[in-house]
Amino acid sequence: MNEKYTPGKHLLMTLQVEEASLLTTIDPFLEFTKKQINIHNLQIVGISTHSFEGGGFTAAICLMESHICIHTWPEFGQLTLDVYLCNYLKDNSEKVLHLGKLFKTYFNAIVINETVVNR
């Protein structure tokens, strides 16, 4: 085989968010994320979430293609988010970058840190 296989692209972001309700209410985030997963032809395997008393939330959305994970800190106006999609059947690299842009727009966020890892 002459072609080098690349397992996927992993986007890691730390974002600053002004609107506290976006960091404390998980349901709108899950609704938005599920819609984007559908639009991008990805498949959900499972979702695990937790809302912290008087605070933020965390969610891990396991996909057949890998995952989307978030953890929010409303007391600091920040969140961390990562999107990783594998390339087993097709190259999903552009989907990772597009999802990252959509999440930044959803949160109306300022990027504190953004790292792209080509696996």
Protein backbone atom coordinates (compact mmCIF):
# COMPACT_ATOMS: atom_id res chain seq x y z
CA MET A 1 0.00 0.00 0.00
CA ASN A 2 1.54 3.31 -1.13
CA GLU A 3 -0.99 5.60 0.52
CA LYS A 4 -0.27 6.57 4.15
CA TYR A 5 -3.30 6.13 6.41
CA THR A 6 -4.08 9.01 8.79
CA PRO A 7 -6.48 8.00 11.57
CA GLY A 8 -8.16 11.41 11.82
CA LYS A 9 -8.14 15.02 12.92
CA HIS A 10 -8.60 16.09 16.55
CA LEU A 11 -9.61 19.68 17.35
CA LEU A 12 -9.07 20.92 20.92
CA MET A 13 -10.43 24.32 21.91
CA THR A 14 -10.65 26.52 24.98
CA LEU A 15 -13.23 29.24 24.44
CA GLN A 16 -14.29 32.40 26.27
CA VAL A 17 -18.08 32.83 26.38
CA GLU A 18 -19.92 35.93 27.63
CA GLU A 19 -23.46 34.53 27.83
CA ALA A 20 -23.56 32.48 31.04
CA SER A 21 -26.74 30.59 30.11
CA LEU A 22 -24.87 28.91 27.25
CA LEU A 23 -22.48 27.47 29.84
CA THR A 24 -25.13 26.34 32.33
CA THR A 25 -27.95 24.88 30.24
CA ILE A 26 -27.08 21.63 28.53
CA ASP A 27 -30.29 20.93 26.58
CA PRO A 28 -29.86 23.64 23.92
CA PHE A 29 -26.24 22.54 23.41
CA LEU A 30 -27.29 18.91 22.97
CA GLU A 31 -30.07 19.88 20.56
CA PHE A 32 -27.66 21.97 18.46
CA THR A 33 -25.00 19.26 18.52
CA LYS A 34 -27.39 16.46 17.54
CA LYS A 35 -28.61 18.57 14.63
CA GLN A 36 -25.03 19.12 13.44
CA ILE A 37 -24.24 15.43 13.82
CA ASN A 38 -27.20 14.64 11.56
CA ILE A 39 -26.27 17.30 9.00
CA HIS A 40 -22.70 15.96 8.85
CA ASN A 41 -23.89 12.35 8.42
CA LEU A 42 -22.30 11.12 11.65
CA GLN A 43 -23.72 8.44 13.94
CA ILE A 44 -24.26 8.69 17.68
CA VAL A 45 -23.27 5.60 19.67
CA GLY A 46 -24.08 7.07 23.10
CA ILE A 47 -24.27 10.24 25.15
CA SER A 48 -23.21 10.77 28.74
CA THR A 49 -23.91 14.08 30.49
CA HIS A 50 -23.77 15.71 33.88
CA SER A 51 -24.98 19.12 35.03
CA PHE A 52 -23.21 20.50 38.07
CA GLU A 53 -25.31 21.99 40.85
CA GLY A 54 -25.27 25.76 40.47
CA GLY A 55 -22.77 25.55 37.64
CA GLY A 56 -21.76 24.18 34.32
CA PHE A 57 -22.09 20.89 32.54
CA THR A 58 -20.05 18.19 30.90
CA ALA A 59 -20.97 15.93 28.01
CA ALA A 60 -19.33 13.16 26.04
CA ILE A 61 -21.01 12.30 22.78
CA CYS A 62 -19.59 9.05 21.48
CA LEU A 63 -19.82 8.71 17.73
CA MET A 64 -19.23 5.79 15.45
CA GLU A 65 -16.54 8.06 14.00
CA SER A 66 -15.15 8.98 17.49
CA HIS A 67 -16.40 11.79 19.80
CA ILE A 68 -17.38 15.33 20.74
CA CYS A 69 -16.71 16.33 24.37
CA ILE A 70 -17.37 19.54 26.30
CA HIS A 71 -16.80 20.83 29.82
CA THR A 72 -18.02 24.29 30.90
CA TRP A 73 -16.93 26.68 33.66
CA PRO A 74 -19.53 29.47 33.86
CA GLU A 75 -17.76 30.98 36.87
CA PHE A 76 -14.83 31.73 34.53
CA GLY A 77 -16.86 32.20 31.34
CA GLN A 78 -14.97 29.37 29.67
CA LEU A 79 -15.37 25.96 28.13
CA THR A 80 -13.18 23.27 26.69
CA LEU A 81 -14.40 21.35 23.67
CA ASP A 82 -12.87 18.68 21.55
CA VAL A 83 -13.99 17.14 18.31
CA TYR A 84 -12.28 14.04 16.95
CA LEU A 85 -13.41 12.18 13.86
CA CYS A 86 -11.65 9.13 12.49
CA ASN A 87 -10.93 8.62 8.81
CA TYR A 88 -11.55 4.88 8.56
CA LEU A 89 -14.05 4.90 5.68
CA LYS A 90 -13.49 8.47 4.43
CA ASP A 91 -11.50 11.59 5.27
CA ASN A 92 -13.50 13.53 7.89
CA SER A 93 -10.89 16.28 8.41
CA GLU A 94 -12.99 19.07 6.89
CA LYS A 95 -15.98 18.03 9.01
CA VAL A 96 -13.90 18.46 12.18
CA LEU A 97 -12.86 21.98 11.20
CA HIS A 98 -16.38 22.91 10.11
CA LEU A 99 -17.89 21.63 13.37
CA GLY A 100 -15.32 23.70 15.28
CA LYS A 101 -16.45 26.85 13.45
CA LEU A 102 -20.09 26.03 14.14
CA PHE A 103 -19.45 25.57 17.87
CA LYS A 104 -17.53 28.87 18.03
CA THR A 105 -20.50 30.57 16.39
CA TYR A 106 -23.04 28.80 18.63
CA PHE A 107 -21.25 30.06 21.75
CA ASN A 108 -20.38 33.45 20.17
CA ALA A 109 -16.96 32.63 21.56
CA ILE A 110 -13.52 34.13 21.61
CA VAL A 111 -10.81 31.52 21.08
CA ILE A 112 -8.36 31.29 23.98
CA ASN A 113 -6.57 28.25 22.64
CA GLU A 114 -7.08 26.07 19.59
CA THR A 115 -4.99 23.07 18.64
CA VAL A 116 -5.43 20.74 15.69
CA VAL A 117 -3.78 17.33 15.97
CA ASN A 118 -3.45 15.23 12.85
CA ARG A 119 -3.45 11.68 14.10
